[in-house]
Each structure stands twice: as C-alpha cells, then as structure tokens.
Protein backbone atom coordinates (compact mmCIF):
# COMPACT_ATOMS: atom_id res chain seq x y z
CA MET A 1 14.98 -7.19 -7.99
CA ASN A 2 13.76 -3.67 -8.52
CA GLN A 3 11.51 -2.65 -5.95
CA LYS A 4 9.31 -1.06 -9.12
CA PHE A 5 8.99 -4.36 -10.68
CA ILE A 6 7.94 -6.20 -7.53
CA GLN A 7 5.44 -3.71 -6.87
CA SER A 8 4.03 -3.73 -10.55
CA ALA A 9 4.20 -7.69 -10.39
CA VAL A 10 2.22 -7.53 -7.11
CA LEU A 11 -0.30 -5.19 -8.57
CA GLY A 12 -0.81 -7.10 -11.72
CA SER A 13 -0.80 -10.46 -9.97
CA LEU A 14 -3.90 -8.67 -8.01
CA MET A 15 -5.63 -7.34 -10.72
CA PHE A 16 -5.50 -10.61 -12.69
CA GLY A 17 -6.98 -12.63 -9.63
CA VAL A 18 -9.96 -10.14 -9.34
CA LEU A 19 -10.69 -10.73 -13.03
CA VAL A 20 -10.30 -14.40 -12.94
CA PHE A 21 -11.92 -15.20 -9.34
CA GLY A 22 -14.14 -12.17 -8.75
CA ASN A 23 -17.82 -12.84 -8.71
CA PHE A 24 -19.48 -9.50 -9.44
CA ASP A 25 -21.96 -8.13 -11.85
CA ALA A 26 -20.22 -6.01 -14.69
CA ASN A 27 -23.12 -4.63 -16.02
CA ALA A 28 -24.34 -2.52 -12.90
CA ASN A 29 -23.82 1.08 -13.27
CA GLY A 30 -21.88 3.65 -10.97
CA PHE A 31 -19.14 2.68 -8.48
CA HIS A 32 -19.25 -0.62 -6.83
CA LYS A 33 -18.53 -0.80 -3.15
CA LYS A 34 -19.13 -4.49 -2.88
CA ALA A 35 -19.48 -7.57 -4.85
CA ASN A 36 -22.93 -8.33 -6.71
CA LYS A 37 -24.11 -4.95 -5.70
CA ASN A 38 -25.84 -2.26 -7.82
CA GLY A 39 -23.28 0.69 -8.27
CA GLU A 40 -23.68 4.14 -6.73
CA VAL A 41 -23.99 6.95 -9.30
CA VAL A 42 -22.29 10.27 -7.79
CA SER A 43 -22.48 13.74 -9.18
CA ALA A 44 -19.23 15.49 -10.72
CA ASN A 45 -18.64 17.62 -7.46
CA GLN A 46 -19.19 14.23 -5.36
CA PHE A 47 -16.49 12.51 -7.46
CA TYR A 48 -14.10 15.20 -7.44
CA THR A 49 -14.36 15.37 -3.70
CA MET A 50 -13.93 11.78 -3.36
CA LEU A 51 -10.97 11.84 -5.74
CA ASP A 52 -9.06 14.82 -3.70
CA HIS A 53 -9.60 12.42 -0.39
CA THR A 54 -8.47 9.29 -2.07
CA SER A 55 -4.51 8.36 -2.05
CA ASP A 56 -2.99 6.65 -5.24
CA LYS A 57 -2.94 3.25 -3.24
CA GLU A 58 -6.78 3.58 -2.17
CA VAL A 59 -8.69 3.79 -5.38
CA ALA A 60 -10.15 0.51 -5.51
CA VAL A 61 -10.98 0.72 -2.05
CA THR A 62 -12.86 3.91 -2.34
CA PHE A 63 -14.40 3.46 -5.89
CA GLY A 64 -14.75 -0.39 -5.64
CA LEU A 65 -14.61 -2.82 -8.47
CA PRO A 66 -14.28 -1.56 -12.17
CA ASP A 67 -16.71 -2.81 -14.67
CA THR A 68 -13.90 -3.23 -17.19
CA ILE A 69 -10.35 -3.47 -17.00
CA SER A 70 -8.31 -2.69 -20.27
CA THR A 71 -4.87 -2.79 -21.06
CA LEU A 72 -2.67 -0.32 -22.28
CA LYS A 73 0.27 -0.84 -24.59
CA ASP A 74 3.52 0.82 -25.46
CA ALA A 75 4.94 1.06 -29.24
CA ASP A 76 6.54 -2.21 -28.41
CA GLY A 77 3.32 -4.01 -27.72
CA SER A 78 4.45 -5.00 -24.25
CA GLN A 79 1.83 -3.91 -21.29
CA ALA A 80 2.62 -0.58 -19.99
CA GLY A 81 -0.35 -0.17 -18.09
CA VAL A 82 -4.27 -0.70 -17.47
CA VAL A 83 -7.58 1.56 -17.64
CA TRP A 84 -10.18 0.57 -14.85
CA THR A 85 -13.56 1.83 -16.58
CA TYR A 86 -16.79 2.45 -14.09
CA LYS A 87 -19.78 2.92 -16.67
CA ASN A 88 -22.12 5.41 -16.13
CA ALA A 89 -20.78 6.33 -12.88
CA VAL A 90 -20.36 10.30 -12.83
CA GLU A 91 -23.65 12.57 -13.46
CA LYS A 92 -22.62 15.88 -15.37
CA ASP A 93 -24.88 18.38 -17.10
CA SER A 94 -27.94 15.68 -17.01
CA LYS A 95 -25.56 12.98 -18.73
CA GLU A 96 -24.07 9.73 -17.00
CA LEU A 97 -20.43 9.53 -17.89
CA ASP A 98 -18.03 6.74 -17.48
CA ALA A 99 -15.03 7.23 -15.18
CA ASN A 100 -11.67 5.92 -16.60
CA PHE A 101 -8.75 5.30 -13.98
CA VAL A 102 -5.53 5.24 -15.71
CA PHE A 103 -2.73 3.38 -14.26
CA VAL A 104 0.97 3.18 -15.55
CA ALA A 105 3.49 1.09 -14.11
CA GLY A 106 1.30 -0.01 -11.18
CA GLN A 107 0.97 4.00 -10.18
CA PHE A 108 -2.50 5.78 -10.46
CA LYS A 109 -1.67 8.76 -13.31
CA TYR A 110 -4.95 10.28 -14.03
CA VAL A 111 -8.69 10.04 -14.18
CA THR A 112 -10.96 10.82 -17.27
CA LEU A 113 -14.80 11.34 -18.01
CA SER A 114 -16.30 10.35 -21.03
CA SER A 115 -19.50 9.53 -22.66
CA SER A 116 -20.19 5.58 -23.10
C-alpha cells in the first residue's frame, strides 16, 4: 500500500476518534491544552512565535483540541482535507480572531486568521 495513504488513513481515524470519543467543551475560547478546560487567548505575536516553533506533526500537541473540524472537498466531492478552527484564539488589533489550520492529505498546509 502507498505510505501516504496509510498516513492519511491513520490521521483520519485519529481525528474521527477524537470527535466521537473526545469529551471536551467545544464552546470555550482560545487554544485548548486539556479536555474540558477553558482555552487560552494569545496575542498575534505569541501565536506566530508558537507557529514558528511547531512542526507539522505537532499542531495538536501545541495548540490542543480544536473547537470545530470541517471537511474540505475536492471538485469530485470526495474528502481532500480538513480545517481545524480555534474560536476567538488570537487577539489582534483589539479583536479576537479565529485560527484556522488547514490540513490536506494528512499534511499541515497553512493557517489563516479570520473574524467570527
């Protein structure tokens, strides 16, 4: 079997397991370090520093459980990736922004900041 397929299948299974069996407060703000603990809001500078020191495989360890996980679909309608969203996690210009981490084929690609 293709090794990338195996990695994607394992990562997908783990994410599904977290959704099904995870017991966490999905309405908390910020980055969640532990289950059922309110999140931590960081400044934009702290966020970019954390991001610089985080490898692709350590996103969940560094930032914790996301508030929402959305599916990305390709033109055929099949799953192409996922977006992990941390609500009101980054404070910038007196606003709390959502941090959206995009994973495609099991690999971390980029992060965006957006208002809720």
